[in-house]
PDB file of N, CA and C in Angstrom:
ATOM      1  N   MET A   1      52.496 107.208 154.809  1.00  0.00           N
ATOM      2  CA  MET A   1      53.316 106.251 155.536  1.00  0.00           C
ATOM      3  C   MET A   1      52.955 104.854 155.117  1.00  0.00           C
ATOM      4  N   SER A   2      51.705 104.607 154.815  1.00  0.00           N
ATOM      5  CA  SER A   2      51.257 103.292 154.387  1.00  0.00           C
ATOM      6  C   SER A   2      51.896 102.895 153.069  1.00  0.00           C
ATOM      7  N   GLU A   3      52.084 103.890 152.166  1.00  0.00           N
ATOM      8  CA  GLU A   3      52.717 103.599 150.867  1.00  0.00           C
ATOM      9  C   GLU A   3      54.139 103.172 151.059  1.00  0.00           C
ATOM     10  N   GLN A   4      54.864 103.745 151.996  1.00  0.00           N
ATOM     11  CA  GLN A   4      56.251 103.368 152.236  1.00  0.00           C
ATOM     12  C   GLN A   4      56.360 101.947 152.728  1.00  0.00           C
ATOM     13  N   LYS A   5      55.447 101.465 153.537  1.00  0.00           N
ATOM     14  CA  LYS A   5      55.467 100.090 154.034  1.00  0.00           C
ATOM     15  C   LYS A   5      55.169  99.115 152.879  1.00  0.00           C
ATOM     16  N   LYS A   6      54.298  99.486 151.956  1.00  0.00           N
ATOM     17  CA  LYS A   6      54.004  98.624 150.810  1.00  0.00           C
ATOM     18  C   LYS A   6      55.230  98.455 149.947  1.00  0.00           C
ATOM     19  N   ILE A   7      55.957  99.527 149.757  1.00  0.00           N
ATOM     20  CA  ILE A   7      57.164  99.454 148.933  1.00  0.00           C
ATOM     21  C   ILE A   7      58.184  98.538 149.573  1.00  0.00           C
ATOM     22  N   ALA A   8      58.380  98.675 150.884  1.00  0.00           N
ATOM     23  CA  ALA A   8      59.332  97.804 151.569  1.00  0.00           C
ATOM     24  C   ALA A   8      58.926  96.355 151.487  1.00  0.00           C
ATOM     25  N   ARG A   9      57.639  96.066 151.608  1.00  0.00           N
ATOM     26  CA  ARG A   9      57.148  94.685 151.502  1.00  0.00           C
ATOM     27  C   ARG A   9      57.373  94.158 150.100  1.00  0.00           C
ATOM     28  N   ARG A  10      57.143  94.978 149.107  1.00  0.00           N
ATOM     29  CA  ARG A  10      57.325  94.547 147.715  1.00  0.00           C
ATOM     30  C   ARG A  10      58.783  94.253 147.448  1.00  0.00           C
ATOM     31  N   SER A  11      59.683  95.087 147.929  1.00  0.00           N
ATOM     32  CA  SER A  11      61.112  94.870 147.694  1.00  0.00           C
ATOM     33  C   SER A  11      61.564  93.636 148.464  1.00  0.00           C
ATOM     34  N   PHE A  12      61.006  93.361 149.617  1.00  0.00           N
ATOM     35  CA  PHE A  12      61.327  92.140 150.373  1.00  0.00           C
ATOM     36  C   PHE A  12      60.969  90.890 149.550  1.00  0.00           C
ATOM     37  N   PHE A  13      59.764  90.864 149.009  1.00  0.00           N
ATOM     38  CA  PHE A  13      59.310  89.712 148.239  1.00  0.00           C
ATOM     39  C   PHE A  13      60.077  89.568 146.938  1.00  0.00           C
ATOM     40  N   ALA A  14      60.440  90.728 146.358  1.00  0.00           N
ATOM     41  CA  ALA A  14      61.265  90.658 145.115  1.00  0.00           C
ATOM     42  C   ALA A  14      62.624  90.107 145.435  1.00  0.00           C
ATOM     43  N   GLY A  15      63.224  90.503 146.545  1.00  0.00           N
ATOM     44  CA  GLY A  15      64.517  89.930 147.004  1.00  0.00           C
ATOM     45  C   GLY A  15      64.406  88.461 147.299  1.00  0.00           C
ATOM     46  N   LEU A  16      63.311  88.068 147.932  1.00  0.00           N
ATOM     47  CA  LEU A  16      63.080  86.663 148.239  1.00  0.00           C
ATOM     48  C   LEU A  16      62.991  85.817 146.966  1.00  0.00           C
ATOM     49  N   GLY A  17      62.342  86.328 145.959  1.00  0.00           N
ATOM     50  CA  GLY A  17      62.237  85.628 144.694  1.00  0.00           C
ATOM     51  C   GLY A  17      63.602  85.522 144.023  1.00  0.00           C
ATOM     52  N   LEU A  18      64.390  86.556 144.094  1.00  0.00           N
ATOM     53  CA  LEU A  18      65.747  86.530 143.565  1.00  0.00           C
ATOM     54  C   LEU A  18      66.629  85.489 144.256  1.00  0.00           C
ATOM     55  N   VAL A  19      66.527  85.436 145.548  1.00  0.00           N
ATOM     56  CA  VAL A  19      67.300  84.428 146.309  1.00  0.00           C
ATOM     57  C   VAL A  19      66.853  83.007 145.947  1.00  0.00           C
ATOM     58  N   ALA A  20      65.592  82.825 145.765  1.00  0.00           N
ATOM     59  CA  ALA A  20      65.068  81.494 145.400  1.00  0.00           C
ATOM     60  C   ALA A  20      65.553  81.130 144.008  1.00  0.00           C
ATOM     61  N   ALA A  21      65.561  82.033 143.072  1.00  0.00           N
ATOM     62  CA  ALA A  21      66.054  81.739 141.716  1.00  0.00           C
ATOM     63  C   ALA A  21      67.569  81.429 141.726  1.00  0.00           C
ATOM     64  N   ALA A  22      68.285  82.145 142.529  1.00  0.00           N
ATOM     65  CA  ALA A  22      69.744  81.875 142.653  1.00  0.00           C
ATOM     66  C   ALA A  22      70.001  80.516 143.246  1.00  0.00           C
ATOM     67  N   GLY A  23      69.156  80.114 144.211  1.00  0.00           N
ATOM     68  CA  GLY A  23      69.306  78.770 144.809  1.00  0.00           C
ATOM     69  C   GLY A  23      69.035  77.695 143.800  1.00  0.00           C
ATOM     70  N   VAL A  24      68.019  77.852 142.975  1.00  0.00           N
ATOM     71  CA  VAL A  24      67.728  76.865 141.942  1.00  0.00           C
ATOM     72  C   VAL A  24      68.834  76.804 140.931  1.00  0.00           C
ATOM     73  N   ALA A  25      69.380  77.944 140.531  1.00  0.00           N
ATOM     74  CA  ALA A  25      70.469  77.977 139.562  1.00  0.00           C
ATOM     75  C   ALA A  25      71.716  77.295 140.118  1.00  0.00           C
ATOM     76  N   ALA A  26      71.986  77.488 141.412  1.00  0.00           N
ATOM     77  CA  ALA A  26      73.142  76.851 142.050  1.00  0.00           C
ATOM     78  C   ALA A  26      72.955  75.345 142.139  1.00  0.00           C
ATOM     79  N   LYS A  27      71.728  74.941 142.360  1.00  0.00           N
ATOM     80  CA  LYS A  27      71.433  73.502 142.446  1.00  0.00           C
ATOM     81  C   LYS A  27      71.621  72.798 141.131  1.00  0.00           C
ATOM     82  N   LEU A  28      71.280  73.478 140.049  1.00  0.00           N
ATOM     83  CA  LEU A  28      71.396  72.869 138.710  1.00  0.00           C
ATOM     84  C   LEU A  28      72.766  73.042 138.064  1.00  0.00           C
ATOM     85  N   ALA A  29      73.571  73.964 138.520  1.00  0.00           N
ATOM     86  CA  ALA A  29      74.830  74.318 137.889  1.00  0.00           C
ATOM     87  C   ALA A  29      75.996  73.317 138.067  1.00  0.00           C
ATOM     88  N   PRO A  30      76.153  72.605 139.179  1.00  0.00           N
ATOM     89  CA  PRO A  30      77.385  71.873 139.378  1.00  0.00           C
ATOM     90  C   PRO A  30      77.755  70.852 138.291  1.00  0.00           C
ATOM     91  N   ALA A  31      76.783  70.203 137.675  1.00  0.00           N
ATOM     92  CA  ALA A  31      77.112  69.220 136.636  1.00  0.00           C
ATOM     93  C   ALA A  31      77.759  69.912 135.411  1.00  0.00           C
ATOM     94  N   SER A  32      77.222  71.016 134.979  1.00  0.00           N
ATOM     95  CA  SER A  32      77.777  71.721 133.854  1.00  0.00           C
ATOM     96  C   SER A  32      79.125  72.372 134.178  1.00  0.00           C
ATOM     97  N   VAL A  33      79.258  72.882 135.407  1.00  0.00           N
ATOM     98  CA  VAL A  33      80.496  73.487 135.804  1.00  0.00           C
ATOM     99  C   VAL A  33      81.604  72.458 135.899  1.00  0.00           C
ATOM    100  N   ALA A  34      81.308  71.290 136.464  1.00  0.00           N
ATOM    101  CA  ALA A  34      82.324  70.273 136.564  1.00  0.00           C
ATOM    102  C   ALA A  34      82.756  69.774 135.202  1.00  0.00           C
ATOM    103  N   GLN A  35      81.871  69.707 134.251  1.00  0.00           N
ATOM    104  CA  GLN A  35      82.225  69.293 132.897  1.00  0.00           C
ATOM    105  C   GLN A  35      83.136  70.340 132.235  1.00  0.00           C
ATOM    106  N   ALA A  36      82.814  71.635 132.435  1.00  0.00           N
ATOM    107  CA  ALA A  36      83.605  72.715 131.890  1.00  0.00           C
ATOM    108  C   ALA A  36      85.019  72.746 132.434  1.00  0.00           C
ATOM    109  N   VAL A  37      85.146  72.464 133.723  1.00  0.00           N
ATOM    110  CA  VAL A  37      86.458  72.467 134.363  1.00  0.00           C
ATOM    111  C   VAL A  37      87.264  71.259 133.867  1.00  0.00           C
ATOM    112  N   ALA A  38      86.623  70.143 133.669  1.00  0.00           N
ATOM    113  CA  ALA A  38      87.325  68.927 133.215  1.00  0.00           C
ATOM    114  C   ALA A  38      87.815  69.114 131.743  1.00  0.00           C
ATOM    115  N   ASP A  39      87.146  69.936 130.964  1.00  0.00           N
ATOM    116  CA  ASP A  39      87.555  70.129 129.574  1.00  0.00           C
ATOM    117  C   ASP A  39      88.764  71.055 129.403  1.00  0.00           C
ATOM    118  N   GLN A  40      89.091  71.821 130.433  1.00  0.00           N
ATOM    119  CA  GLN A  40      90.213  72.766 130.344  1.00  0.00           C
ATOM    120  C   GLN A  40      91.540  72.017 130.482  1.00  0.00           C
ATOM    121  N   PRO A  41      92.579  72.467 129.756  1.00  0.00           N
ATOM    122  CA  PRO A  41      93.880  71.794 129.880  1.00  0.00           C
ATOM    123  C   PRO A  41      94.469  72.064 131.280  1.00  0.00           C
ATOM    124  N   ALA A  42      95.356  71.199 131.686  1.00  0.00           N
ATOM    125  CA  ALA A  42      95.958  71.302 133.004  1.00  0.00           C
ATOM    126  C   ALA A  42      96.945  72.466 133.026  1.00  0.00           C
ATOM    127  N   GLU A  43      97.042  73.136 134.149  1.00  0.00           N
ATOM    128  CA  GLU A  43      98.005  74.236 134.343  1.00  0.00           C
ATOM    129  C   GLU A  43      99.403  73.660 134.523  1.00  0.00           C
ATOM    130  N   PRO A  44     100.413  74.319 133.932  1.00  0.00           N
ATOM    131  CA  PRO A  44     101.784  73.861 134.135  1.00  0.00           C
ATOM    132  C   PRO A  44     102.230  74.013 135.599  1.00  0.00           C
ATOM    133  N   GLU A  45     103.122  73.192 135.995  1.00  0.00           N
ATOM    134  CA  GLU A  45     103.642  73.245 137.389  1.00  0.00           C
ATOM    135  C   GLU A  45     104.665  74.359 137.549  1.00  0.00           C
ATOM    136  N   GLY A  46     104.763  74.918 138.711  1.00  0.00           N
ATOM    137  CA  GLY A  46     105.782  75.898 139.032  1.00  0.00           C
ATOM    138  C   GLY A  46     105.244  77.333 138.912  1.00  0.00           C
ATOM    139  N   ASN A  47     106.206  78.247 138.998  1.00  0.00           N
ATOM    140  CA  ASN A  47     105.884  79.675 138.945  1.00  0.00           C
ATOM    141  C   ASN A  47     106.213  80.273 137.610  1.00  0.00           C
ATOM    142  N   SER A  48     106.031  79.579 136.558  1.00  0.00           N
ATOM    143  CA  SER A  48     106.361  80.051 135.252  1.00  0.00           C
ATOM    144  C   SER A  48     105.282  81.008 134.744  1.00  0.00           C
ATOM    145  N   TYR A  49     105.568  81.671 133.609  1.00  0.00           N
ATOM    146  CA  TYR A  49     104.681  82.615 132.957  1.00  0.00           C
ATOM    147  C   TYR A  49     103.443  81.863 132.437  1.00  0.00           C
ATOM    148  N   ARG A  50     102.274  82.431 132.658  1.00  0.00           N
ATOM    149  CA  ARG A  50     101.033  81.842 132.172  1.00  0.00           C
ATOM    150  C   ARG A  50     100.265  82.924 131.423  1.00  0.00           C
ATOM    151  N   LEU A  51      99.801  82.535 130.244  1.00  0.00           N
ATOM    152  CA  LEU A  51      98.973  83.459 129.468  1.00  0.00           C
ATOM    153  C   LEU A  51      97.525  83.321 129.935  1.00  0.00           C
ATOM    154  N   SER A  52      97.174  84.021 131.000  1.00  0.00           N
ATOM    155  CA  SER A  52      95.840  83.944 131.583  1.00  0.00           C
ATOM    156  C   SER A  52      94.943  85.022 131.000  1.00  0.00           C
ATOM    157  N   GLU A  53      93.687  85.004 131.412  1.00  0.00           N
ATOM    158  CA  GLU A  53      92.718  85.982 130.867  1.00  0.00           C
ATOM    159  C   GLU A  53      93.094  87.399 131.225  1.00  0.00           C
ATOM    160  N   HIS A  54      93.561  87.668 132.450  1.00  0.00           N
ATOM    161  CA  HIS A  54      93.908  89.059 132.793  1.00  0.00           C
ATOM    162  C   HIS A  54      95.135  89.527 132.041  1.00  0.00           C
ATOM    163  N   VAL A  55      96.052  88.653 131.669  1.00  0.00           N
ATOM    164  CA  VAL A  55      97.206  88.999 130.821  1.00  0.00           C
ATOM    165  C   VAL A  55      96.731  89.300 129.424  1.00  0.00           C
ATOM    166  N   LYS A  56      95.856  88.493 128.888  1.00  0.00           N
ATOM    167  CA  LYS A  56      95.310  88.745 127.550  1.00  0.00           C
ATOM    168  C   LYS A  56      94.571  90.070 127.486  1.00  0.00           C
ATOM    169  N   LYS A  57      93.835  90.376 128.571  1.00  0.00           N
ATOM    170  CA  LYS A  57      93.135  91.673 128.621  1.00  0.00           C
ATOM    171  C   LYS A  57      94.122  92.841 128.598  1.00  0.00           C
ATOM    172  N   TYR A  58      95.228  92.666 129.331  1.00  0.00           N
ATOM    173  CA  TYR A  58      96.247  93.715 129.356  1.00  0.00           C
ATOM    174  C   TYR A  58      96.826  93.916 127.977  1.00  0.00           C
ATOM    175  N   TYR A  59      97.125  92.835 127.291  1.00  0.00           N
ATOM    176  CA  TYR A  59      97.675  92.933 125.935  1.00  0.00           C
ATOM    177  C   TYR A  59      96.682  93.635 124.978  1.00  0.00           C
ATOM    178  N   ARG A  60      95.377  93.342 125.152  1.00  0.00           N
ATOM    179  CA  ARG A  60      94.393  94.013 124.288  1.00  0.00           C
ATOM    180  C   ARG A  60      94.338  95.509 124.557  1.00  0.00           C
ATOM    181  N   THR A  61      94.513  95.905 125.797  1.00  0.00           N
ATOM    182  CA  THR A  61      94.392  97.326 126.151  1.00  0.00           C
ATOM    183  C   THR A  61      95.666  98.103 125.731  1.00  0.00           C
ATOM    184  N   THR A  62      96.776  97.463 125.512  1.00  0.00           N
ATOM    185  CA  THR A  62      98.008  98.169 125.141  1.00  0.00           C
ATOM    186  C   THR A  62      98.180  98.325 123.649  1.00  0.00           C
ATOM    187  N   THR A  63      97.373  97.710 122.831  1.00  0.00           N
ATOM    188  CA  THR A  63      97.479  97.834 121.391  1.00  0.00           C
ATOM    189  C   THR A  63      97.070  99.235 120.960  1.00  0.00           C
ATOM    190  N   ILE A  64      97.695  99.728 119.952  1.00  0.00           N
ATOM    191  CA  ILE A  64      97.434 101.087 119.450  1.00  0.00           C
ATOM    192  C   ILE A  64      96.465 101.021 118.300  1.00  0.00           C
TER     193      ILE A  64
END
């Protein structure tokens, strides 16, 4: 039973480290994400056809 408690404690601390790493990554990411979004061309107005990533993926899957 003691071994089971040690495993639970280890997984708790591993999860805590993962959450801390994700927090640091989120803190550092906004500057690069904002720059990447600014570099993309503007979307056309209206409900017209758009060649988006999921459409491109569909086209790739339908080729013979």
